[in-house]
Amino acid sequence: MADNIDRANELTEQMQERQIKAARANTSVADATGYCLNCGEDLNDSRRWCDASCRDDWEKLNKGE
């Protein structure tokens, strides 16, 4: 019985490692432009989005969700 549990734990670890690697590979990098990357609002600093809602919308669009 312990062998089955050991194998299941090993498979779980392998799947988790692959999922972490895939999540890290799917990150989009966006540079600040002086405008909100989602709605285009002028920004006076080095932010990329004007608020969390725009950031979330941009991330959804750029991750294919």
N, C-alpha and C. Protein backbone atom coordinates (compact mmCIF):
# COMPACT_ATOMS: atom_id res chain seq x y z
N MET A 1 0.82 -1.19 0.00
CA MET A 1 0.00 0.00 0.00
C MET A 1 0.87 1.26 0.00
N ALA A 2 1.93 1.25 0.73
CA ALA A 2 2.80 2.42 0.78
C ALA A 2 3.39 2.73 -0.60
N ASP A 3 3.64 1.69 -1.40
CA ASP A 3 4.18 1.93 -2.74
C ASP A 3 3.20 2.74 -3.58
N ASN A 4 1.92 2.43 -3.51
CA ASN A 4 0.92 3.18 -4.27
C ASN A 4 0.85 4.63 -3.79
N ILE A 5 0.92 4.82 -2.50
CA ILE A 5 0.88 6.17 -1.95
C ILE A 5 2.13 6.95 -2.37
N ASP A 6 3.28 6.30 -2.32
CA ASP A 6 4.52 6.95 -2.74
C ASP A 6 4.45 7.37 -4.20
N ARG A 7 3.94 6.49 -5.06
CA ARG A 7 3.81 6.80 -6.49
C ARG A 7 2.83 7.94 -6.71
N ALA A 8 1.73 7.91 -5.98
CA ALA A 8 0.74 8.99 -6.12
C ALA A 8 1.34 10.32 -5.69
N ASN A 9 2.08 10.32 -4.60
CA ASN A 9 2.74 11.55 -4.15
C ASN A 9 3.75 12.05 -5.17
N GLU A 10 4.50 11.13 -5.75
CA GLU A 10 5.50 11.50 -6.75
C GLU A 10 4.82 12.10 -7.99
N LEU A 11 3.74 11.49 -8.43
CA LEU A 11 3.01 12.02 -9.59
C LEU A 11 2.43 13.39 -9.28
N THR A 12 1.92 13.56 -8.08
CA THR A 12 1.37 14.85 -7.68
C THR A 12 2.45 15.92 -7.70
N GLU A 13 3.61 15.61 -7.18
CA GLU A 13 4.73 16.56 -7.20
C GLU A 13 5.14 16.92 -8.62
N GLN A 14 5.22 15.92 -9.49
CA GLN A 14 5.60 16.17 -10.88
C GLN A 14 4.58 17.07 -11.58
N MET A 15 3.30 16.79 -11.37
CA MET A 15 2.26 17.61 -11.98
C MET A 15 2.31 19.04 -11.45
N GLN A 16 2.54 19.17 -10.16
CA GLN A 16 2.61 20.50 -9.57
C GLN A 16 3.80 21.29 -10.13
N GLU A 17 4.94 20.64 -10.28
CA GLU A 17 6.12 21.29 -10.84
C GLU A 17 5.86 21.74 -12.27
N ARG A 18 5.19 20.92 -13.07
CA ARG A 18 4.87 21.29 -14.45
C ARG A 18 3.90 22.47 -14.49
N GLN A 19 2.93 22.46 -13.59
CA GLN A 19 1.97 23.56 -13.55
C GLN A 19 2.63 24.87 -13.15
N ILE A 20 3.53 24.81 -12.19
CA ILE A 20 4.26 26.01 -11.77
C ILE A 20 5.11 26.53 -12.92
N LYS A 21 5.81 25.63 -13.60
CA LYS A 21 6.65 26.03 -14.73
C LYS A 21 5.81 26.65 -15.84
N ALA A 22 4.65 26.06 -16.13
CA ALA A 22 3.77 26.60 -17.17
C ALA A 22 3.22 27.96 -16.78
N ALA A 23 2.87 28.12 -15.51
CA ALA A 23 2.34 29.41 -15.05
C ALA A 23 3.40 30.50 -15.15
N ARG A 24 4.61 30.17 -14.82
CA ARG A 24 5.69 31.16 -14.91
C ARG A 24 6.00 31.51 -16.36
N ALA A 25 5.86 30.57 -17.26
CA ALA A 25 6.14 30.80 -18.67
C ALA A 25 5.05 31.64 -19.33
N ASN A 26 3.85 31.65 -18.76
CA ASN A 26 2.72 32.36 -19.37
C ASN A 26 2.55 33.78 -18.86
N THR A 27 3.55 34.34 -18.28
CA THR A 27 3.43 35.71 -17.78
C THR A 27 3.73 36.69 -18.91
N SER A 28 2.91 37.68 -19.01
CA SER A 28 3.13 38.74 -19.99
C SER A 28 3.83 39.90 -19.29
N VAL A 29 4.82 40.44 -19.95
CA VAL A 29 5.54 41.57 -19.39
C VAL A 29 5.09 42.82 -20.14
N ALA A 30 4.73 43.83 -19.38
CA ALA A 30 4.28 45.08 -19.99
C ALA A 30 5.07 46.24 -19.39
N ASP A 31 5.56 47.10 -20.24
CA ASP A 31 6.32 48.26 -19.80
C ASP A 31 5.38 49.46 -19.65
N ALA A 32 5.70 50.31 -18.70
CA ALA A 32 4.94 51.54 -18.51
C ALA A 32 5.14 52.45 -19.72
N THR A 33 4.06 53.09 -20.16
CA THR A 33 4.12 53.94 -21.35
C THR A 33 3.67 55.37 -21.08
N GLY A 34 3.20 55.65 -19.86
CA GLY A 34 2.61 56.95 -19.55
C GLY A 34 1.11 56.94 -19.73
N TYR A 35 0.58 55.85 -20.24
CA TYR A 35 -0.85 55.66 -20.43
C TYR A 35 -1.25 54.31 -19.84
N CYS A 36 -2.51 54.21 -19.39
CA CYS A 36 -3.02 52.92 -18.92
C CYS A 36 -3.00 51.95 -20.09
N LEU A 37 -2.44 50.80 -19.91
CA LEU A 37 -2.33 49.82 -20.99
C LEU A 37 -3.67 49.22 -21.38
N ASN A 38 -4.69 49.44 -20.54
CA ASN A 38 -6.00 48.89 -20.84
C ASN A 38 -6.94 49.94 -21.46
N CYS A 39 -7.09 51.09 -20.80
CA CYS A 39 -8.08 52.07 -21.26
C CYS A 39 -7.47 53.30 -21.92
N GLY A 40 -6.15 53.48 -21.79
CA GLY A 40 -5.49 54.60 -22.43
C GLY A 40 -5.46 55.89 -21.63
N GLU A 41 -5.94 55.86 -20.39
CA GLU A 41 -5.92 57.07 -19.56
C GLU A 41 -4.49 57.53 -19.32
N ASP A 42 -4.28 58.85 -19.34
CA ASP A 42 -2.96 59.42 -19.05
C ASP A 42 -2.55 59.10 -17.62
N LEU A 43 -1.30 58.69 -17.45
CA LEU A 43 -0.75 58.42 -16.12
C LEU A 43 0.47 59.31 -15.92
N ASN A 44 0.59 59.93 -14.77
CA ASN A 44 1.70 60.84 -14.51
C ASN A 44 2.88 60.17 -13.84
N ASP A 45 2.86 58.88 -13.74
CA ASP A 45 3.95 58.17 -13.07
C ASP A 45 4.28 56.89 -13.84
N SER A 46 4.97 55.97 -13.21
CA SER A 46 5.43 54.77 -13.91
C SER A 46 4.47 53.59 -13.77
N ARG A 47 3.20 53.87 -13.40
CA ARG A 47 2.21 52.79 -13.35
C ARG A 47 1.88 52.32 -14.76
N ARG A 48 1.42 51.08 -14.85
CA ARG A 48 1.03 50.54 -16.15
C ARG A 48 -0.48 50.58 -16.35
N TRP A 49 -1.22 50.60 -15.26
CA TRP A 49 -2.68 50.64 -15.31
C TRP A 49 -3.18 51.70 -14.36
N CYS A 50 -4.36 52.27 -14.65
CA CYS A 50 -4.89 53.33 -13.80
C CYS A 50 -5.50 52.77 -12.51
N ASP A 51 -5.98 51.53 -12.55
CA ASP A 51 -6.52 50.91 -11.35
C ASP A 51 -6.50 49.39 -11.48
N ALA A 52 -6.90 48.72 -10.41
CA ALA A 52 -6.85 47.26 -10.38
C ALA A 52 -7.80 46.63 -11.40
N SER A 53 -8.92 47.29 -11.65
CA SER A 53 -9.88 46.76 -12.61
C SER A 53 -9.28 46.72 -14.02
N CYS A 54 -8.62 47.80 -14.42
CA CYS A 54 -7.96 47.82 -15.73
C CYS A 54 -6.85 46.78 -15.79
N ARG A 55 -6.09 46.65 -14.72
CA ARG A 55 -5.03 45.64 -14.68
C ARG A 55 -5.61 44.25 -14.88
N ASP A 56 -6.68 43.95 -14.15
CA ASP A 56 -7.30 42.63 -14.25
C ASP A 56 -7.84 42.37 -15.65
N ASP A 57 -8.49 43.38 -16.24
CA ASP A 57 -8.99 43.23 -17.61
C ASP A 57 -7.85 42.98 -18.59
N TRP A 58 -6.76 43.74 -18.45
CA TRP A 58 -5.61 43.58 -19.34
C TRP A 58 -5.02 42.18 -19.21
N GLU A 59 -4.90 41.70 -17.96
CA GLU A 59 -4.32 40.37 -17.74
C GLU A 59 -5.21 39.29 -18.37
N LYS A 60 -6.52 39.42 -18.25
CA LYS A 60 -7.43 38.45 -18.86
C LYS A 60 -7.26 38.42 -20.37
N LEU A 61 -7.20 39.60 -20.98
CA LEU A 61 -7.06 39.69 -22.43
C LEU A 61 -5.72 39.14 -22.92
N ASN A 62 -4.67 39.34 -22.14
CA ASN A 62 -3.34 38.93 -22.56
C ASN A 62 -2.96 37.53 -22.13
N LYS A 63 -3.80 36.87 -21.41
CA LYS A 63 -3.55 35.48 -21.02
C LYS A 63 -4.55 34.55 -21.68
N GLY A 64 -5.42 35.07 -22.50
CA GLY A 64 -6.36 34.24 -23.22
C GLY A 64 -7.48 33.69 -22.37
N GLU A 65 -7.77 34.32 -21.26
CA GLU A 65 -8.85 33.84 -20.39
C GLU A 65 -10.19 34.26 -20.91
